[in-house]
Protein backbone atom coordinates (compact mmCIF):
# COMPACT_ATOMS: atom_id res chain seq x y z
CA MET A 1 15.17 53.63 38.59
CA SER A 2 14.32 55.94 41.44
CA ASP A 3 14.33 59.11 39.36
CA LEU A 4 11.41 58.44 37.05
CA PRO A 5 10.30 61.39 34.96
CA VAL A 6 7.00 63.10 35.77
CA PHE A 7 4.86 64.35 32.94
CA SER A 8 1.93 66.75 33.39
CA VAL A 9 -0.81 67.19 30.82
CA ALA A 10 0.84 70.47 29.76
CA ASP A 11 4.26 68.72 29.37
CA LEU A 12 2.67 66.02 27.21
CA GLU A 13 0.65 68.49 25.10
CA ALA A 14 3.85 70.46 24.40
CA GLN A 15 5.73 67.49 23.05
CA PRO A 16 6.12 67.30 19.28
CA GLN A 17 3.90 64.89 17.42
CA LEU A 18 4.61 62.74 14.39
CA ASP A 19 2.49 64.27 11.64
CA VAL A 20 4.06 63.93 8.19
CA ASP A 21 3.09 64.22 4.51
CA SER A 22 3.43 60.49 4.01
CA PHE A 23 4.30 57.42 6.11
CA VAL A 24 4.78 54.05 4.46
CA ASN A 25 6.10 50.69 5.55
CA ASP A 26 9.75 51.69 5.02
CA ASP A 27 9.18 54.70 7.24
CA ALA A 28 7.71 52.44 9.94
CA VAL A 29 10.80 50.21 9.76
CA ASP A 30 13.10 53.25 9.95
CA LEU A 31 11.17 54.49 13.00
CA GLY A 32 11.39 51.07 14.60
CA VAL A 33 15.14 50.82 14.00
CA THR A 34 15.47 54.31 15.51
CA ALA A 35 13.55 53.09 18.59
CA ILE A 36 15.93 50.13 18.89
CA GLU A 37 18.90 52.50 18.83
CA VAL A 38 17.37 54.46 21.72
CA ILE A 39 16.57 51.29 23.64
CA ARG A 40 20.12 49.90 23.19
CA GLN A 41 21.80 53.19 24.08
CA ARG A 42 19.82 53.34 27.30
CA ARG A 43 20.26 49.60 27.97
CA LEU A 44 16.54 49.11 28.53
CA ASN A 45 14.35 46.02 28.58
CA LEU A 46 11.79 46.98 25.93
CA ALA A 47 9.66 45.73 23.08
CA VAL A 48 8.62 48.08 20.27
CA ARG A 49 5.79 47.74 17.74
CA ILE A 50 4.84 49.98 14.86
CA VAL A 51 1.30 49.51 13.50
CA LEU A 52 0.35 51.15 10.22
CA ARG A 53 -3.26 51.14 8.99
CA GLY A 54 -4.06 48.13 11.19
CA ASP A 55 -1.00 46.07 10.18
CA VAL A 56 1.99 45.29 12.39
CA VAL A 57 4.79 46.50 10.13
CA PHE A 58 7.61 46.40 12.65
CA GLN A 59 8.16 44.63 15.92
CA ALA A 60 11.22 43.82 18.03
CA LYS A 61 11.58 42.44 21.47
CA LEU A 62 14.86 43.24 23.17
CA ARG A 63 16.51 41.71 26.20
CA GLU A 64 14.00 40.11 28.54
CA THR A 65 10.82 41.07 26.70
CA GLY A 66 8.54 38.41 25.25
CA ARG A 67 4.91 37.45 24.66
CA ASP A 68 3.86 38.96 27.95
CA ASN A 69 4.51 42.37 26.41
CA ASP A 70 2.09 41.72 23.51
CA GLU A 71 -1.07 42.56 25.47
CA TRP A 72 0.53 45.77 26.73
CA LEU A 73 1.68 46.80 23.24
CA ALA A 74 -1.85 46.18 21.90
CA GLY A 75 -3.61 47.78 24.85
CA LYS A 76 -1.62 51.00 24.80
CA ALA A 77 -2.04 51.29 21.03
CA ALA A 78 -5.79 50.71 21.40
CA VAL A 79 -5.95 53.79 23.63
CA VAL A 80 -4.22 55.90 21.03
CA GLU A 81 -6.46 54.57 18.28
CA ARG A 82 -9.63 55.32 20.28
CA PHE A 83 -8.67 58.70 21.79
CA GLY A 84 -6.22 59.96 19.14
CA GLU A 85 -3.64 61.05 21.71
CA PRO A 86 -0.56 59.51 23.36
CA SER A 87 -1.58 56.83 25.83
CA LEU A 88 0.18 58.62 28.75
CA LEU A 89 -1.65 61.89 27.87
CA VAL A 90 -5.01 60.04 28.07
CA ARG A 91 -4.04 58.66 31.56
CA ARG A 92 -2.84 62.04 32.81
CA ARG A 93 -5.96 63.87 31.59
CA HIS A 94 -8.09 61.43 33.58
CA GLU A 95 -5.91 61.77 36.66
CA GLU A 96 -5.92 65.56 36.54
CA ALA A 97 -9.74 65.50 36.18
CA GLY A 98 -9.94 63.28 39.27
CA THR A 99 -11.46 60.38 37.30
CA PRO A 100 -8.77 57.68 36.84
CA PHE A 101 -8.98 55.89 33.56
CA GLY A 102 -9.12 52.54 35.39
CA GLU A 103 -12.45 53.55 36.94
CA ARG A 104 -14.18 54.19 33.56
CA ASN A 105 -17.11 51.85 33.10
CA ASP A 106 -17.42 52.50 29.31
CA VAL A 107 -14.15 50.79 28.29
CA ASP A 108 -12.93 47.22 28.43
CA HIS A 109 -9.79 47.47 30.51
CA ASP A 110 -8.45 44.22 29.06
CA VAL A 111 -8.47 45.96 25.65
CA TYR A 112 -7.62 49.54 26.58
CA ARG A 113 -4.58 50.17 28.73
CA ALA A 114 -4.00 53.85 29.46
CA HIS A 115 -0.31 53.56 30.36
CA GLY A 116 2.53 55.47 28.80
CA GLY A 117 4.37 54.19 25.74
CA SER A 118 2.18 54.61 22.71
CA LEU A 119 2.11 57.62 20.37
CA PRO A 120 0.03 58.39 17.32
CA ILE A 121 1.45 58.47 13.81
CA ARG A 122 -0.42 60.93 11.58
CA VAL A 123 -0.34 61.78 7.88
CA ASP A 124 -1.69 65.27 7.23
CA GLY A 125 -3.52 65.15 10.55
CA GLU A 126 -5.11 61.73 10.00
CA LEU A 127 -4.31 58.98 12.48
CA VAL A 128 -2.71 56.17 10.47
CA GLY A 129 -0.75 54.24 13.07
CA THR A 130 1.05 53.94 16.32
CA ILE A 131 4.51 53.45 17.78
CA THR A 132 4.25 51.59 21.07
CA VAL A 133 6.98 50.65 23.54
CA SER A 134 6.53 48.31 26.55
CA GLY A 135 8.68 46.70 29.22
CA GLU A 136 9.86 49.42 31.63
CA PRO A 137 7.85 51.77 33.85
CA ASP A 138 5.37 53.47 31.56
CA VAL A 139 6.97 56.96 31.83
CA ILE A 140 10.24 55.40 30.54
CA ASP A 141 8.28 53.67 27.76
CA HIS A 142 6.85 57.09 26.84
CA GLU A 143 10.22 58.77 26.93
CA VAL A 144 11.75 56.14 24.57
CA ALA A 145 8.87 56.38 22.07
CA THR A 146 9.11 60.18 22.16
CA GLU A 147 12.85 60.16 21.65
CA ALA A 148 12.51 57.75 18.73
CA VAL A 149 9.90 60.07 17.16
CA ARG A 150 12.16 63.12 17.77
CA ARG A 151 15.12 61.45 16.09
CA PHE A 152 13.00 60.16 13.18
CA ARG A 153 11.62 63.65 12.58
CA ALA A 154 15.16 65.18 12.68
CA ARG A 155 16.54 62.93 9.96
């Protein structure tokens, strides 16, 4: 994939977020199935995980993905949980500020992975979960998660 998308902070801030009146386990499964549809349509090698209130409600590993993706799924989601923003947005904010996330001394980089692919799930503004995708270059992971959210919101 030589034509990887490029996202600026402004691009990422302008993307729609998932903030709904309610979000329960069935919604998490629906969002996960929607993500699988996007992954299959694009023939990508991705794992997807939906965490709701600290519980893994949905997870699927397609094609070549496996347990090696688990630490990436968890690490990207940890960034969203700590900073309340998409994991790629956290990374881009640091890059644009000239202070790469990987150089922060106040975070455990084995726990927090500021790479694209994880988005917040909110209910009435409150962060209640994450959708995280891992397995391709992180901007592709971000695109797939964003498209899954877009399709879920449109239903």
